[in-house]
Amino acid sequence: MAQPLSLLVTITFFGVILVSGVSGTYGGGAGSVEKTYYLKELGEYAVACHNLVSKHQLTFQKVIQCDDLPGLTHKLTIQAADGGVSHTYEAVVCYKPLIQYKKLISFKLA
């Protein structure tokens, strides 16, 4: 009986981490951004959308910082490579997880 309860506690704990990890300002801590799957997913999405409408084929590297904006919108500072050369970009992504909605609002060189 202890194993199912322990599994439930573990699932609940990780669920709280994922939900609580979507607010606030990210960055500054060594490795704190790379460990957040949520931010990595948003960063990869922003680069993939940019690649669809641009002549450049960027390769996502990492999310440097994320600031929450009103309305479930996130301003990401992303590091991506263009032809092997790393650059920093700013992307604004609207993400509504309850209805599985994502939209790239803007993407520009920082």
C-alpha atoms as a PDB file:
ATOM      1  CA  MET A   1       0.000   0.000   0.000  1.00  0.00           C
ATOM      2  CA  ALA A   2       2.904   2.358   0.581  1.00  0.00           C
ATOM      3  CA  GLN A   3       4.049   2.204  -3.037  1.00  0.00           C
ATOM      4  CA  PRO A   4       0.832   3.557  -4.650  1.00  0.00           C
ATOM      5  CA  LEU A   5       0.681   6.363  -2.072  1.00  0.00           C
ATOM      6  CA  SER A   6       4.327   7.208  -2.698  1.00  0.00           C
ATOM      7  CA  LEU A   7       3.677   7.245  -6.456  1.00  0.00           C
ATOM      8  CA  LEU A   8       0.693   9.572  -5.959  1.00  0.00           C
ATOM      9  CA  VAL A   9       2.766  11.919  -3.814  1.00  0.00           C
ATOM     10  CA  THR A  10       5.540  11.911  -6.436  1.00  0.00           C
ATOM     11  CA  ILE A  11       3.100  12.645  -9.274  1.00  0.00           C
ATOM     12  CA  THR A  12       1.454  15.409  -7.247  1.00  0.00           C
ATOM     13  CA  PHE A  13       4.841  16.888  -6.338  1.00  0.00           C
ATOM     14  CA  PHE A  14       6.031  16.990  -9.951  1.00  0.00           C
ATOM     15  CA  GLY A  15       2.676  18.357 -11.076  1.00  0.00           C
ATOM     16  CA  VAL A  16       3.041  21.211  -8.616  1.00  0.00           C
ATOM     17  CA  ILE A  17       6.565  21.901  -9.883  1.00  0.00           C
ATOM     18  CA  LEU A  18       5.369  22.041 -13.488  1.00  0.00           C
ATOM     19  CA  VAL A  19       2.424  24.277 -12.668  1.00  0.00           C
ATOM     20  CA  SER A  20       4.368  26.556 -10.341  1.00  0.00           C
ATOM     21  CA  GLY A  21       7.241  26.756 -12.822  1.00  0.00           C
ATOM     22  CA  VAL A  22       5.191  28.749 -15.313  1.00  0.00           C
ATOM     23  CA  SER A  23       5.099  32.040 -13.460  1.00  0.00           C
ATOM     24  CA  GLY A  24       7.695  34.568 -12.478  1.00  0.00           C
ATOM     25  CA  THR A  25      10.980  35.599 -14.006  1.00  0.00           C
ATOM     26  CA  TYR A  26      13.422  32.919 -15.021  1.00  0.00           C
ATOM     27  CA  GLY A  27      17.148  33.123 -15.446  1.00  0.00           C
ATOM     28  CA  GLY A  28      20.042  34.125 -13.315  1.00  0.00           C
ATOM     29  CA  GLY A  29      20.516  30.790 -11.594  1.00  0.00           C
ATOM     30  CA  ALA A  30      23.088  28.422 -12.988  1.00  0.00           C
ATOM     31  CA  GLY A  31      21.226  25.789 -14.973  1.00  0.00           C
ATOM     32  CA  SER A  32      17.799  26.802 -13.652  1.00  0.00           C
ATOM     33  CA  VAL A  33      16.397  27.563 -17.106  1.00  0.00           C
ATOM     34  CA  GLU A  34      17.707  24.450 -18.888  1.00  0.00           C
ATOM     35  CA  LYS A  35      16.035  22.221 -16.287  1.00  0.00           C
ATOM     36  CA  THR A  36      12.582  23.646 -16.921  1.00  0.00           C
ATOM     37  CA  TYR A  37      10.945  21.515 -19.585  1.00  0.00           C
ATOM     38  CA  TYR A  38       8.095  23.971 -19.998  1.00  0.00           C
ATOM     39  CA  LEU A  39      10.378  26.813 -21.036  1.00  0.00           C
ATOM     40  CA  LYS A  40      12.415  24.599 -23.330  1.00  0.00           C
ATOM     41  CA  GLU A  41       9.223  23.515 -25.074  1.00  0.00           C
ATOM     42  CA  LEU A  42       8.110  27.135 -25.553  1.00  0.00           C
ATOM     43  CA  GLY A  43      11.546  28.129 -26.837  1.00  0.00           C
ATOM     44  CA  GLU A  44      11.660  25.257 -29.324  1.00  0.00           C
ATOM     45  CA  TYR A  45       8.144  26.158 -30.475  1.00  0.00           C
ATOM     46  CA  ALA A  46       9.118  29.813 -31.045  1.00  0.00           C
ATOM     47  CA  VAL A  47      12.171  28.855 -33.115  1.00  0.00           C
ATOM     48  CA  ALA A  48      10.201  26.273 -35.142  1.00  0.00           C
ATOM     49  CA  CYS A  49       7.471  28.840 -35.949  1.00  0.00           C
ATOM     50  CA  HIS A  50      10.081  31.427 -36.904  1.00  0.00           C
ATOM     51  CA  ASN A  51      11.769  28.901 -39.209  1.00  0.00           C
ATOM     52  CA  LEU A  52       8.467  28.288 -41.022  1.00  0.00           C
ATOM     53  CA  VAL A  53       8.080  31.929 -42.050  1.00  0.00           C
ATOM     54  CA  SER A  54      11.719  32.983 -42.399  1.00  0.00           C
ATOM     55  CA  LYS A  55      14.616  32.375 -44.758  1.00  0.00           C
ATOM     56  CA  HIS A  56      16.824  31.528 -41.789  1.00  0.00           C
ATOM     57  CA  GLN A  57      16.918  28.050 -40.340  1.00  0.00           C
ATOM     58  CA  LEU A  58      17.726  28.611 -36.692  1.00  0.00           C
ATOM     59  CA  THR A  59      18.704  25.826 -34.313  1.00  0.00           C
ATOM     60  CA  PHE A  60      17.313  26.206 -30.801  1.00  0.00           C
ATOM     61  CA  GLN A  61      19.981  26.157 -28.085  1.00  0.00           C
ATOM     62  CA  LYS A  62      18.423  27.371 -24.829  1.00  0.00           C
ATOM     63  CA  VAL A  63      16.072  29.773 -23.104  1.00  0.00           C
ATOM     64  CA  ILE A  64      18.063  32.420 -21.275  1.00  0.00           C
ATOM     65  CA  GLN A  65      15.176  34.217 -19.559  1.00  0.00           C
ATOM     66  CA  CYS A  66      11.385  34.246 -19.459  1.00  0.00           C
ATOM     67  CA  ASP A  67       9.149  37.067 -18.252  1.00  0.00           C
ATOM     68  CA  ASP A  68       5.430  36.514 -17.831  1.00  0.00           C
ATOM     69  CA  LEU A  69       3.167  39.054 -19.475  1.00  0.00           C
ATOM     70  CA  PRO A  70      -0.605  39.450 -18.954  1.00  0.00           C
ATOM     71  CA  GLY A  71      -2.881  36.883 -20.568  1.00  0.00           C
ATOM     72  CA  LEU A  72      -0.707  33.734 -20.377  1.00  0.00           C
ATOM     73  CA  THR A  73       1.859  35.358 -22.634  1.00  0.00           C
ATOM     74  CA  HIS A  74       5.579  34.845 -22.143  1.00  0.00           C
ATOM     75  CA  LYS A  75       8.472  36.993 -23.332  1.00  0.00           C
ATOM     76  CA  LEU A  76      11.380  34.636 -23.943  1.00  0.00           C
ATOM     77  CA  THR A  77      15.017  35.511 -24.437  1.00  0.00           C
ATOM     78  CA  ILE A  78      16.321  32.633 -26.559  1.00  0.00           C
ATOM     79  CA  GLN A  79      19.764  31.601 -27.719  1.00  0.00           C
ATOM     80  CA  ALA A  80      19.696  30.019 -31.178  1.00  0.00           C
ATOM     81  CA  ALA A  81      22.304  29.267 -33.819  1.00  0.00           C
ATOM     82  CA  ASP A  82      22.099  30.563 -37.369  1.00  0.00           C
ATOM     83  CA  GLY A  83      24.611  28.717 -39.544  1.00  0.00           C
ATOM     84  CA  GLY A  84      26.596  27.668 -36.488  1.00  0.00           C
ATOM     85  CA  VAL A  85      26.798  31.203 -35.051  1.00  0.00           C
ATOM     86  CA  SER A  86      24.880  31.817 -31.819  1.00  0.00           C
ATOM     87  CA  HIS A  87      22.610  34.833 -31.499  1.00  0.00           C
ATOM     88  CA  THR A  88      20.144  36.037 -28.885  1.00  0.00           C
ATOM     89  CA  TYR A  89      16.509  36.513 -29.877  1.00  0.00           C
ATOM     90  CA  GLU A  90      13.400  37.820 -28.145  1.00  0.00           C
ATOM     91  CA  ALA A  91      10.163  35.940 -28.719  1.00  0.00           C
ATOM     92  CA  VAL A  92       6.679  36.524 -27.363  1.00  0.00           C
ATOM     93  CA  VAL A  93       4.541  33.384 -27.155  1.00  0.00           C
ATOM     94  CA  CYS A  94       0.928  33.084 -26.051  1.00  0.00           C
ATOM     95  CA  TYR A  95       0.322  29.680 -24.452  1.00  0.00           C
ATOM     96  CA  LYS A  96      -2.975  28.420 -23.042  1.00  0.00           C
ATOM     97  CA  PRO A  97      -2.322  24.857 -21.893  1.00  0.00           C
ATOM     98  CA  LEU A  98      -5.913  24.048 -20.946  1.00  0.00           C
ATOM     99  CA  ILE A  99      -7.075  24.403 -24.541  1.00  0.00           C
ATOM    100  CA  GLN A 100      -3.768  23.324 -26.157  1.00  0.00           C
ATOM    101  CA  TYR A 101      -3.285  26.744 -27.782  1.00  0.00           C
ATOM    102  CA  LYS A 102       0.107  28.233 -28.706  1.00  0.00           C
ATOM    103  CA  LYS A 103       0.822  31.225 -30.910  1.00  0.00           C
ATOM    104  CA  LEU A 104       4.047  33.038 -31.715  1.00  0.00           C
ATOM    105  CA  ILE A 105       3.284  36.761 -31.374  1.00  0.00           C
ATOM    106  CA  SER A 106       6.726  38.142 -32.261  1.00  0.00           C
ATOM    107  CA  PHE A 107      10.294  36.988 -32.876  1.00  0.00           C
ATOM    108  CA  LYS A 108      13.261  39.335 -33.332  1.00  0.00           C
ATOM    109  CA  LEU A 109      16.989  39.622 -32.862  1.00  0.00           C
ATOM    110  CA  ALA A 110      17.726  40.978 -29.384  1.00  0.00           C
END
